[in-house]
Amino acid sequence: MNVIESWNRANAVIYYGKGGEISTDRREEVEMAALCPRILRSSLVYVKTLMLQAVLA
């Protein structure tokens, strides 16, 4: 449960716009609004993993 709450807090920081709402009905913009935060989260996990590996090395 704590992991999910942490991701929700991260999503609130990552996602920008009108309070995290998708304000358009254009398909391309909706897809970008849904996929960009996912890419950013994956990037954050990757960077954290690299940092952890550097600390452990």
N, C-alpha and C. Protein backbone atom coordinates (compact mmCIF):
# COMPACT_ATOMS: atom_id res chain seq x y z
N MET A 1 0.83 -1.19 0.00
CA MET A 1 0.00 0.00 0.00
C MET A 1 0.87 1.26 0.00
N ASN A 2 1.97 1.25 0.74
CA ASN A 2 2.84 2.42 0.78
C ASN A 2 3.49 2.68 -0.56
N VAL A 3 3.80 1.61 -1.30
CA VAL A 3 4.42 1.79 -2.62
C VAL A 3 3.45 2.51 -3.56
N ILE A 4 2.21 2.11 -3.53
CA ILE A 4 1.20 2.72 -4.40
C ILE A 4 1.01 4.19 -4.03
N GLU A 5 0.96 4.48 -2.74
CA GLU A 5 0.82 5.87 -2.31
C GLU A 5 2.02 6.70 -2.73
N SER A 6 3.20 6.11 -2.67
CA SER A 6 4.40 6.83 -3.10
C SER A 6 4.34 7.13 -4.59
N TRP A 7 3.90 6.15 -5.40
CA TRP A 7 3.79 6.39 -6.84
C TRP A 7 2.74 7.46 -7.12
N ASN A 8 1.65 7.46 -6.37
CA ASN A 8 0.62 8.48 -6.58
C ASN A 8 1.16 9.86 -6.27
N ARG A 9 1.98 9.99 -5.21
CA ARG A 9 2.59 11.27 -4.91
C ARG A 9 3.57 11.67 -6.00
N ALA A 10 4.32 10.70 -6.51
CA ALA A 10 5.26 11.00 -7.60
C ALA A 10 4.50 11.43 -8.85
N ASN A 11 3.39 10.78 -9.13
CA ASN A 11 2.58 11.17 -10.29
C ASN A 11 2.08 12.61 -10.16
N ALA A 12 1.72 13.00 -8.96
CA ALA A 12 1.23 14.37 -8.76
C ALA A 12 2.34 15.38 -9.04
N VAL A 13 3.59 15.01 -8.74
CA VAL A 13 4.70 15.91 -9.01
C VAL A 13 5.06 15.91 -10.48
N ILE A 14 5.07 14.72 -11.09
CA ILE A 14 5.48 14.58 -12.49
C ILE A 14 4.43 15.16 -13.43
N TYR A 15 3.17 14.82 -13.20
CA TYR A 15 2.13 15.22 -14.14
C TYR A 15 1.81 16.70 -13.95
N TYR A 16 1.75 17.41 -15.02
CA TYR A 16 1.49 18.83 -14.97
C TYR A 16 0.22 19.13 -15.76
N GLY A 17 -0.23 20.33 -15.71
CA GLY A 17 -1.43 20.72 -16.45
C GLY A 17 -2.51 21.16 -15.49
N LYS A 18 -3.72 20.97 -15.88
CA LYS A 18 -4.86 21.42 -15.09
C LYS A 18 -5.14 20.44 -13.96
N GLY A 19 -4.32 20.49 -12.94
CA GLY A 19 -4.55 19.62 -11.79
C GLY A 19 -4.43 18.15 -12.12
N GLY A 20 -3.64 17.80 -13.11
CA GLY A 20 -3.48 16.40 -13.49
C GLY A 20 -4.59 15.88 -14.38
N GLU A 21 -5.44 16.74 -14.85
CA GLU A 21 -6.53 16.31 -15.73
C GLU A 21 -6.12 16.48 -17.19
N ILE A 22 -6.61 15.58 -18.01
CA ILE A 22 -6.38 15.70 -19.46
C ILE A 22 -7.47 16.62 -20.00
N SER A 23 -7.05 17.74 -20.55
CA SER A 23 -8.01 18.79 -20.92
C SER A 23 -8.31 18.82 -22.41
N THR A 24 -8.06 17.74 -23.11
CA THR A 24 -8.33 17.71 -24.54
C THR A 24 -8.96 16.39 -24.92
N ASP A 25 -9.58 16.37 -26.08
CA ASP A 25 -10.14 15.11 -26.56
C ASP A 25 -9.43 14.62 -27.83
N ARG A 26 -8.32 15.30 -28.17
CA ARG A 26 -7.53 14.87 -29.32
C ARG A 26 -6.74 13.63 -28.93
N ARG A 27 -6.82 12.60 -29.74
CA ARG A 27 -6.24 11.30 -29.41
C ARG A 27 -4.73 11.38 -29.19
N GLU A 28 -4.02 12.10 -30.03
CA GLU A 28 -2.57 12.19 -29.91
C GLU A 28 -2.16 12.83 -28.59
N GLU A 29 -2.85 13.89 -28.21
CA GLU A 29 -2.52 14.58 -26.97
C GLU A 29 -2.86 13.74 -25.75
N VAL A 30 -3.95 13.00 -25.81
CA VAL A 30 -4.32 12.13 -24.70
C VAL A 30 -3.28 11.02 -24.54
N GLU A 31 -2.83 10.44 -25.65
CA GLU A 31 -1.81 9.40 -25.58
C GLU A 31 -0.51 9.94 -25.00
N MET A 32 -0.10 11.13 -25.43
CA MET A 32 1.12 11.72 -24.90
C MET A 32 0.99 12.02 -23.41
N ALA A 33 -0.17 12.52 -23.01
CA ALA A 33 -0.40 12.84 -21.61
C ALA A 33 -0.38 11.58 -20.75
N ALA A 34 -0.78 10.46 -21.31
CA ALA A 34 -0.79 9.21 -20.55
C ALA A 34 0.58 8.53 -20.56
N LEU A 35 1.33 8.64 -21.64
CA LEU A 35 2.59 7.91 -21.76
C LEU A 35 3.80 8.66 -21.23
N CYS A 36 3.81 9.96 -21.32
CA CYS A 36 4.99 10.72 -20.87
C CYS A 36 5.29 10.52 -19.39
N PRO A 37 4.30 10.58 -18.49
CA PRO A 37 4.62 10.32 -17.08
C PRO A 37 5.15 8.90 -16.86
N ARG A 38 4.71 7.95 -17.64
CA ARG A 38 5.19 6.57 -17.51
C ARG A 38 6.68 6.50 -17.88
N ILE A 39 7.07 7.22 -18.93
CA ILE A 39 8.48 7.25 -19.33
C ILE A 39 9.32 7.94 -18.26
N LEU A 40 8.80 9.03 -17.71
CA LEU A 40 9.53 9.73 -16.65
C LEU A 40 9.71 8.86 -15.42
N ARG A 41 8.66 8.13 -15.03
CA ARG A 41 8.78 7.23 -13.87
C ARG A 41 9.82 6.16 -14.13
N SER A 42 9.82 5.59 -15.32
CA SER A 42 10.80 4.56 -15.66
C SER A 42 12.21 5.14 -15.62
N SER A 43 12.37 6.35 -16.08
CA SER A 43 13.67 7.01 -16.04
C SER A 43 14.13 7.23 -14.61
N LEU A 44 13.22 7.65 -13.75
CA LEU A 44 13.57 7.85 -12.35
C LEU A 44 14.01 6.55 -11.69
N VAL A 45 13.32 5.47 -11.98
CA VAL A 45 13.70 4.16 -11.42
C VAL A 45 15.08 3.77 -11.92
N TYR A 46 15.35 3.99 -13.19
CA TYR A 46 16.65 3.66 -13.76
C TYR A 46 17.77 4.46 -13.11
N VAL A 47 17.55 5.76 -12.94
CA VAL A 47 18.57 6.61 -12.33
C VAL A 47 18.81 6.19 -10.88
N LYS A 48 17.73 5.89 -10.15
CA LYS A 48 17.90 5.44 -8.77
C LYS A 48 18.67 4.12 -8.72
N THR A 49 18.41 3.24 -9.66
CA THR A 49 19.13 1.97 -9.70
C THR A 49 20.61 2.21 -9.95
N LEU A 50 20.95 3.09 -10.88
CA LEU A 50 22.34 3.41 -11.13
C LEU A 50 23.02 4.02 -9.92
N MET A 51 22.33 4.89 -9.23
CA MET A 51 22.89 5.51 -8.04
C MET A 51 23.12 4.48 -6.94
N LEU A 52 22.18 3.57 -6.77
CA LEU A 52 22.32 2.52 -5.77
C LEU A 52 23.50 1.59 -6.10
N GLN A 53 23.65 1.26 -7.38
CA GLN A 53 24.78 0.43 -7.79
C GLN A 53 26.10 1.13 -7.53
N ALA A 54 26.14 2.42 -7.74
CA ALA A 54 27.38 3.17 -7.49
C ALA A 54 27.70 3.19 -6.00
N VAL A 55 26.69 3.33 -5.17
CA VAL A 55 26.91 3.33 -3.72
C VAL A 55 27.39 1.96 -3.25
N LEU A 56 26.79 0.90 -3.78
CA LEU A 56 27.16 -0.45 -3.36
C LEU A 56 28.53 -0.87 -3.88
N ALA A 57 28.95 -0.27 -4.99
CA ALA A 57 30.26 -0.60 -5.54
C ALA A 57 31.32 0.09 -4.74
